[in-house]
Amino acid sequence: MLKILLFIGSSSFLGGITRFLLTKLIQQNILSSFPFGTFIVNIVGCFLIGFFYGLSERGNLLNTELRLFLTVGFCGSFTTFSTFSIENIALLKDGNFFYFTIYSLSTLFVCLVATYFGNLTTKLL
């Protein structure tokens, strides 16, 4: 059990750092009150978790530890539902109802589609 916790903890560390750096890079290059950084990170993370679960369903491509490392640890800390939530609250507080609506609905829809395509990709390999 300790080995699994160390796998998850170390990959959570990597996922969190990757999320921070990628979000910052995107937001610095796109000047908008729309939170593109978190939006894109969540889409990429959903694609990746779908892809990793698809690989694990194909048999011996991912052992249990590697699956937990990639999905629970890395993707769990890479995707940012809590950040998504607080950014939506900020949009509402600023009275930016248009971006709130677009961000909320598009994130839900696009992330579900990305997860599906990530999983589908493994079936095409």
N, C-alpha and C. Protein backbone atom coordinates (compact mmCIF):
# COMPACT_ATOMS: atom_id res chain seq x y z
N MET A 1 0.81 -1.20 0.00
CA MET A 1 0.00 0.00 0.00
C MET A 1 0.86 1.27 0.00
N LEU A 2 1.96 1.23 0.74
CA LEU A 2 2.83 2.40 0.79
C LEU A 2 3.42 2.69 -0.60
N LYS A 3 3.76 1.63 -1.32
CA LYS A 3 4.29 1.80 -2.67
C LYS A 3 3.28 2.51 -3.58
N ILE A 4 2.02 2.12 -3.49
CA ILE A 4 0.96 2.75 -4.30
C ILE A 4 0.79 4.21 -3.91
N LEU A 5 0.81 4.49 -2.62
CA LEU A 5 0.68 5.88 -2.15
C LEU A 5 1.84 6.74 -2.64
N LEU A 6 3.03 6.18 -2.67
CA LEU A 6 4.20 6.92 -3.18
C LEU A 6 4.07 7.17 -4.68
N PHE A 7 3.57 6.18 -5.43
CA PHE A 7 3.32 6.37 -6.87
C PHE A 7 2.33 7.51 -7.09
N ILE A 8 1.23 7.47 -6.37
CA ILE A 8 0.19 8.48 -6.54
C ILE A 8 0.70 9.86 -6.10
N GLY A 9 1.39 9.90 -4.98
CA GLY A 9 1.91 11.17 -4.48
C GLY A 9 2.92 11.81 -5.41
N SER A 10 3.83 11.01 -5.94
CA SER A 10 4.85 11.57 -6.83
C SER A 10 4.24 12.02 -8.15
N SER A 11 3.27 11.28 -8.65
CA SER A 11 2.65 11.71 -9.91
C SER A 11 1.72 12.89 -9.69
N SER A 12 1.13 13.01 -8.52
CA SER A 12 0.33 14.20 -8.20
C SER A 12 1.21 15.44 -8.19
N PHE A 13 2.39 15.30 -7.66
CA PHE A 13 3.36 16.39 -7.66
C PHE A 13 3.66 16.82 -9.10
N LEU A 14 3.92 15.86 -9.97
CA LEU A 14 4.23 16.17 -11.37
C LEU A 14 3.02 16.77 -12.10
N GLY A 15 1.85 16.23 -11.85
CA GLY A 15 0.64 16.74 -12.50
C GLY A 15 0.32 18.17 -12.07
N GLY A 16 0.47 18.46 -10.79
CA GLY A 16 0.20 19.80 -10.29
C GLY A 16 1.16 20.84 -10.86
N ILE A 17 2.43 20.49 -10.92
CA ILE A 17 3.43 21.40 -11.48
C ILE A 17 3.17 21.62 -12.97
N THR A 18 2.87 20.54 -13.68
CA THR A 18 2.58 20.65 -15.11
C THR A 18 1.36 21.53 -15.35
N ARG A 19 0.31 21.34 -14.54
CA ARG A 19 -0.89 22.17 -14.67
C ARG A 19 -0.56 23.64 -14.46
N PHE A 20 0.17 23.93 -13.39
CA PHE A 20 0.52 25.32 -13.08
C PHE A 20 1.28 25.97 -14.23
N LEU A 21 2.31 25.29 -14.72
CA LEU A 21 3.15 25.86 -15.77
C LEU A 21 2.38 26.02 -17.08
N LEU A 22 1.60 25.02 -17.47
CA LEU A 22 0.85 25.10 -18.72
C LEU A 22 -0.24 26.17 -18.65
N THR A 23 -0.95 26.24 -17.54
CA THR A 23 -1.98 27.26 -17.36
C THR A 23 -1.38 28.65 -17.44
N LYS A 24 -0.27 28.83 -16.76
CA LYS A 24 0.41 30.14 -16.75
C LYS A 24 0.88 30.51 -18.16
N LEU A 25 1.45 29.57 -18.87
CA LEU A 25 1.92 29.81 -20.23
C LEU A 25 0.76 30.23 -21.15
N ILE A 26 -0.33 29.54 -21.05
CA ILE A 26 -1.49 29.84 -21.90
C ILE A 26 -2.07 31.21 -21.55
N GLN A 27 -2.29 31.48 -20.26
CA GLN A 27 -2.90 32.75 -19.85
C GLN A 27 -2.02 33.94 -20.18
N GLN A 28 -0.71 33.76 -20.15
CA GLN A 28 0.20 34.87 -20.48
C GLN A 28 0.17 35.20 -21.97
N ASN A 29 -0.20 34.23 -22.77
CA ASN A 29 -0.19 34.43 -24.22
C ASN A 29 -1.56 34.74 -24.80
N ILE A 30 -2.60 34.60 -24.00
CA ILE A 30 -3.96 34.92 -24.45
C ILE A 30 -4.53 35.92 -23.46
N LEU A 31 -4.63 37.16 -23.85
CA LEU A 31 -5.13 38.19 -22.95
C LEU A 31 -6.66 38.23 -23.03
N SER A 32 -7.30 37.69 -22.02
CA SER A 32 -8.75 37.63 -21.98
C SER A 32 -9.18 37.37 -20.55
N SER A 33 -10.39 37.80 -20.21
CA SER A 33 -10.91 37.46 -18.89
C SER A 33 -11.46 36.04 -18.88
N PHE A 34 -11.58 35.41 -20.06
CA PHE A 34 -11.99 34.01 -20.15
C PHE A 34 -10.80 33.16 -19.71
N PRO A 35 -11.00 32.22 -18.79
CA PRO A 35 -9.88 31.42 -18.26
C PRO A 35 -9.45 30.30 -19.22
N PHE A 36 -8.81 30.69 -20.32
CA PHE A 36 -8.39 29.72 -21.33
C PHE A 36 -7.39 28.70 -20.78
N GLY A 37 -6.52 29.10 -19.88
CA GLY A 37 -5.52 28.18 -19.34
C GLY A 37 -6.17 26.97 -18.68
N THR A 38 -7.07 27.21 -17.76
CA THR A 38 -7.76 26.11 -17.08
C THR A 38 -8.61 25.33 -18.05
N PHE A 39 -9.28 26.02 -18.96
CA PHE A 39 -10.13 25.37 -19.95
C PHE A 39 -9.33 24.36 -20.78
N ILE A 40 -8.19 24.77 -21.29
CA ILE A 40 -7.38 23.90 -22.13
C ILE A 40 -6.76 22.76 -21.31
N VAL A 41 -6.29 23.07 -20.11
CA VAL A 41 -5.72 22.03 -19.25
C VAL A 41 -6.77 20.96 -18.94
N ASN A 42 -7.99 21.37 -18.66
CA ASN A 42 -9.03 20.39 -18.36
C ASN A 42 -9.35 19.51 -19.57
N ILE A 43 -9.35 20.08 -20.75
CA ILE A 43 -9.61 19.30 -21.97
C ILE A 43 -8.48 18.29 -22.18
N VAL A 44 -7.24 18.74 -22.08
CA VAL A 44 -6.09 17.85 -22.25
C VAL A 44 -6.13 16.74 -21.19
N GLY A 45 -6.40 17.12 -19.95
CA GLY A 45 -6.46 16.13 -18.87
C GLY A 45 -7.56 15.10 -19.09
N CYS A 46 -8.71 15.54 -19.58
CA CYS A 46 -9.81 14.60 -19.85
C CYS A 46 -9.44 13.66 -21.00
N PHE A 47 -8.80 14.19 -22.03
CA PHE A 47 -8.33 13.32 -23.12
C PHE A 47 -7.35 12.29 -22.57
N LEU A 48 -6.40 12.74 -21.76
CA LEU A 48 -5.39 11.83 -21.23
C LEU A 48 -5.99 10.74 -20.34
N ILE A 49 -6.93 11.11 -19.46
CA ILE A 49 -7.50 10.09 -18.58
C ILE A 49 -8.31 9.08 -19.39
N GLY A 50 -9.00 9.54 -20.42
CA GLY A 50 -9.70 8.61 -21.31
C GLY A 50 -8.72 7.69 -22.02
N PHE A 51 -7.62 8.25 -22.49
CA PHE A 51 -6.58 7.49 -23.18
C PHE A 51 -5.96 6.45 -22.23
N PHE A 52 -5.61 6.87 -21.02
CA PHE A 52 -4.98 5.95 -20.08
C PHE A 52 -5.93 4.82 -19.67
N TYR A 53 -7.19 5.15 -19.44
CA TYR A 53 -8.15 4.09 -19.10
C TYR A 53 -8.37 3.16 -20.29
N GLY A 54 -8.36 3.72 -21.49
CA GLY A 54 -8.47 2.88 -22.68
C GLY A 54 -7.30 1.92 -22.80
N LEU A 55 -6.10 2.40 -22.50
CA LEU A 55 -4.92 1.52 -22.52
C LEU A 55 -5.04 0.42 -21.49
N SER A 56 -5.53 0.76 -20.32
CA SER A 56 -5.64 -0.25 -19.27
C SER A 56 -6.71 -1.30 -19.60
N GLU A 57 -7.71 -0.92 -20.39
CA GLU A 57 -8.74 -1.86 -20.80
C GLU A 57 -8.25 -2.83 -21.88
N ARG A 58 -7.15 -2.50 -22.53
CA ARG A 58 -6.64 -3.33 -23.63
C ARG A 58 -5.82 -4.51 -23.14
N GLY A 59 -5.71 -4.67 -21.86
CA GLY A 59 -4.99 -5.84 -21.36
C GLY A 59 -3.76 -5.47 -20.58
N ASN A 60 -2.62 -5.95 -21.01
CA ASN A 60 -1.37 -5.84 -20.26
C ASN A 60 -0.57 -4.58 -20.58
N LEU A 61 -1.19 -3.56 -21.13
CA LEU A 61 -0.43 -2.36 -21.49
C LEU A 61 -0.09 -1.49 -20.28
N LEU A 62 -0.94 -1.48 -19.26
CA LEU A 62 -0.68 -0.73 -18.04
C LEU A 62 -0.93 -1.63 -16.84
N ASN A 63 0.07 -1.79 -15.97
CA ASN A 63 -0.19 -2.52 -14.74
C ASN A 63 -0.93 -1.61 -13.76
N THR A 64 -1.38 -2.14 -12.66
CA THR A 64 -2.19 -1.38 -11.71
C THR A 64 -1.46 -0.14 -11.20
N GLU A 65 -0.19 -0.29 -10.86
CA GLU A 65 0.56 0.85 -10.32
C GLU A 65 0.71 1.97 -11.34
N LEU A 66 1.01 1.61 -12.59
CA LEU A 66 1.17 2.63 -13.62
C LEU A 66 -0.16 3.31 -13.93
N ARG A 67 -1.24 2.55 -13.94
CA ARG A 67 -2.57 3.13 -14.17
C ARG A 67 -2.91 4.14 -13.07
N LEU A 68 -2.65 3.77 -11.82
CA LEU A 68 -2.90 4.69 -10.71
C LEU A 68 -1.99 5.92 -10.79
N PHE A 69 -0.73 5.71 -11.16
CA PHE A 69 0.23 6.80 -11.32
C PHE A 69 -0.29 7.81 -12.34
N LEU A 70 -0.76 7.31 -13.49
CA LEU A 70 -1.18 8.19 -14.58
C LEU A 70 -2.57 8.80 -14.37
N THR A 71 -3.51 8.03 -13.84
CA THR A 71 -4.90 8.52 -13.74
C THR A 71 -5.18 9.22 -12.42
N VAL A 72 -5.05 8.52 -11.33
CA VAL A 72 -5.37 9.10 -10.02
C VAL A 72 -4.38 10.20 -9.66
N GLY A 73 -3.09 9.92 -9.84
CA GLY A 73 -2.07 10.89 -9.46
C GLY A 73 -1.92 12.03 -10.45
N PHE A 74 -1.40 11.72 -11.64
CA PHE A 74 -1.09 12.79 -12.60
C PHE A 74 -2.35 13.50 -13.08
N CYS A 75 -3.30 12.76 -13.65
CA CYS A 75 -4.51 13.41 -14.18
C CYS A 75 -5.35 14.03 -13.07
N GLY A 76 -5.37 13.40 -11.91
CA GLY A 76 -6.14 13.94 -10.79
C GLY A 76 -5.65 15.30 -10.34
N SER A 77 -4.34 15.51 -10.37
CA SER A 77 -3.83 16.82 -9.97
C SER A 77 -3.65 17.75 -11.17
N PHE A 78 -3.59 17.20 -12.37
CA PHE A 78 -3.45 18.01 -13.57
C PHE A 78 -4.76 18.70 -13.93
N THR A 79 -5.86 17.98 -13.85
CA THR A 79 -7.15 18.62 -14.11
C THR A 79 -7.55 19.43 -12.90
N THR A 80 -8.41 20.40 -13.11
CA THR A 80 -8.55 21.44 -12.10
C THR A 80 -10.00 21.83 -11.84
N PHE A 81 -10.78 20.90 -11.36
CA PHE A 81 -12.18 21.23 -11.12
C PHE A 81 -12.33 22.31 -10.05
N SER A 82 -11.49 22.29 -9.03
CA SER A 82 -11.60 23.32 -8.00
C SER A 82 -11.24 24.69 -8.58
N THR A 83 -10.24 24.74 -9.44
CA THR A 83 -9.89 26.00 -10.09
C THR A 83 -11.01 26.44 -11.02
N PHE A 84 -11.57 25.49 -11.77
CA PHE A 84 -12.71 25.76 -12.63
C PHE A 84 -13.85 26.39 -11.82
N SER A 85 -14.12 25.85 -10.65
CA SER A 85 -15.21 26.36 -9.82
C SER A 85 -14.94 27.78 -9.33
N ILE A 86 -13.74 28.04 -8.84
CA ILE A 86 -13.45 29.37 -8.30
C ILE A 86 -13.40 30.40 -9.43
N GLU A 87 -12.95 30.01 -10.61
CA GLU A 87 -12.95 30.95 -11.73
C GLU A 87 -14.38 31.29 -12.15
N ASN A 88 -15.28 30.33 -12.05
CA ASN A 88 -16.68 30.61 -12.35
C ASN A 88 -17.28 31.55 -11.31
N ILE A 89 -16.94 31.36 -10.06
CA ILE A 89 -17.41 32.27 -9.01
C ILE A 89 -16.90 33.69 -9.29
N ALA A 90 -15.63 33.80 -9.68
CA ALA A 90 -15.05 35.11 -10.00
C ALA A 90 -15.78 35.75 -11.19
N LEU A 91 -16.10 34.96 -12.20
CA LEU A 91 -16.83 35.49 -13.35
C LEU A 91 -18.20 36.00 -12.91
N LEU A 92 -18.87 35.26 -12.05
CA LEU A 92 -20.18 35.69 -11.55
C LEU A 92 -20.07 36.96 -10.71
N LYS A 93 -19.07 37.02 -9.83
CA LYS A 93 -18.87 38.20 -9.00
C LYS A 93 -18.60 39.44 -9.84
N ASP A 94 -17.90 39.25 -10.96
CA ASP A 94 -17.61 40.36 -11.86
C ASP A 94 -18.78 40.70 -12.77
N GLY A 95 -19.86 39.93 -12.66
CA GLY A 95 -21.03 40.18 -13.50
C GLY A 95 -20.83 39.73 -14.94
N ASN A 96 -19.87 38.87 -15.17
CA ASN A 96 -19.56 38.42 -16.51
C ASN A 96 -20.34 37.12 -16.80
N PHE A 97 -21.65 37.26 -16.94
CA PHE A 97 -22.53 36.11 -17.08
C PHE A 97 -22.34 35.40 -18.42
N PHE A 98 -21.97 36.13 -19.44
CA PHE A 98 -21.74 35.52 -20.75
C PHE A 98 -20.58 34.53 -20.67
N TYR A 99 -19.41 34.98 -20.17
CA TYR A 99 -18.26 34.07 -20.06
C TYR A 99 -18.55 32.94 -19.07
N PHE A 100 -19.27 33.22 -18.00
CA PHE A 100 -19.64 32.18 -17.05
C PHE A 100 -20.42 31.06 -17.75
N THR A 101 -21.40 31.45 -18.53
CA THR A 101 -22.23 30.46 -19.23
C THR A 101 -21.42 29.70 -20.27
N ILE A 102 -20.67 30.42 -21.08
CA ILE A 102 -19.85 29.78 -22.12
C ILE A 102 -18.82 28.84 -21.49
N TYR A 103 -18.14 29.31 -20.47
CA TYR A 103 -17.09 28.52 -19.82
C TYR A 103 -17.67 27.25 -19.18
N SER A 104 -18.74 27.39 -18.44
CA SER A 104 -19.33 26.24 -17.74
C SER A 104 -19.83 25.19 -18.72
N LEU A 105 -20.63 25.61 -19.68
CA LEU A 105 -21.22 24.65 -20.61
C LEU A 105 -20.19 24.05 -21.56
N SER A 106 -19.28 24.89 -22.07
CA SER A 106 -18.29 24.36 -23.00
C SER A 106 -17.30 23.44 -22.30
N THR A 107 -16.93 23.74 -21.07
CA THR A 107 -16.02 22.85 -20.33
C THR A 107 -16.66 21.49 -20.13
N LEU A 108 -17.90 21.47 -19.69
CA LEU A 108 -18.58 20.20 -19.47
C LEU A 108 -18.66 19.40 -20.76
N PHE A 109 -19.13 20.02 -21.83
CA PHE A 109 -19.31 19.32 -23.09
C PHE A 109 -17.97 18.88 -23.70
N VAL A 110 -17.04 19.82 -23.82
CA VAL A 110 -15.78 19.52 -24.49
C VAL A 110 -14.96 18.51 -23.70
N CYS A 111 -14.99 18.57 -22.37
CA CYS A 111 -14.23 17.60 -21.56
C CYS A 111 -14.82 16.20 -21.68
N LEU A 112 -16.13 16.09 -21.74
CA LEU A 112 -16.73 14.77 -21.95
C LEU A 112 -16.35 14.22 -23.32
N VAL A 113 -16.37 15.06 -24.33
CA VAL A 113 -15.98 14.64 -25.68
C VAL A 113 -14.50 14.25 -25.70
N ALA A 114 -13.64 15.03 -25.04
CA ALA A 114 -12.21 14.73 -25.00
C ALA A 114 -11.94 13.40 -24.31
N THR A 115 -12.65 13.13 -23.22
CA THR A 115 -12.50 11.85 -22.52
C THR A 115 -12.89 10.70 -23.44
N TYR A 116 -14.00 10.86 -24.13
CA TYR A 116 -14.46 9.84 -25.06
C TYR A 116 -13.42 9.59 -26.16
N PHE A 117 -12.91 10.66 -26.77
CA PHE A 117 -11.93 10.51 -27.85
C PHE A 117 -10.59 9.97 -27.35
N GLY A 118 -10.23 10.31 -26.12
CA GLY A 118 -9.02 9.73 -25.55
C GLY A 118 -9.16 8.22 -25.44
N ASN A 119 -10.32 7.77 -24.97
CA ASN A 119 -10.59 6.34 -24.86
C ASN A 119 -10.69 5.71 -26.23
N LEU A 120 -11.36 6.36 -27.16
CA LEU A 120 -11.51 5.85 -28.52
C LEU A 120 -10.16 5.69 -29.22
N THR A 121 -9.25 6.61 -28.95
CA THR A 121 -7.91 6.57 -29.57
C THR A 121 -7.22 5.24 -29.29
N THR A 122 -7.39 4.73 -28.08
CA THR A 122 -6.70 3.48 -27.73
C THR A 122 -7.28 2.31 -28.51
N LYS A 123 -8.52 2.40 -28.91
CA LYS A 123 -9.14 1.32 -29.70
C LYS A 123 -8.66 1.36 -31.14
N LEU A 124 -8.16 2.49 -31.60
CA LEU A 124 -7.68 2.64 -32.95
C LEU A 124 -6.20 2.26 -33.10
N LEU A 125 -5.52 2.09 -31.99
CA LEU A 125 -4.08 1.75 -32.02
C LEU A 125 -3.87 0.29 -32.38
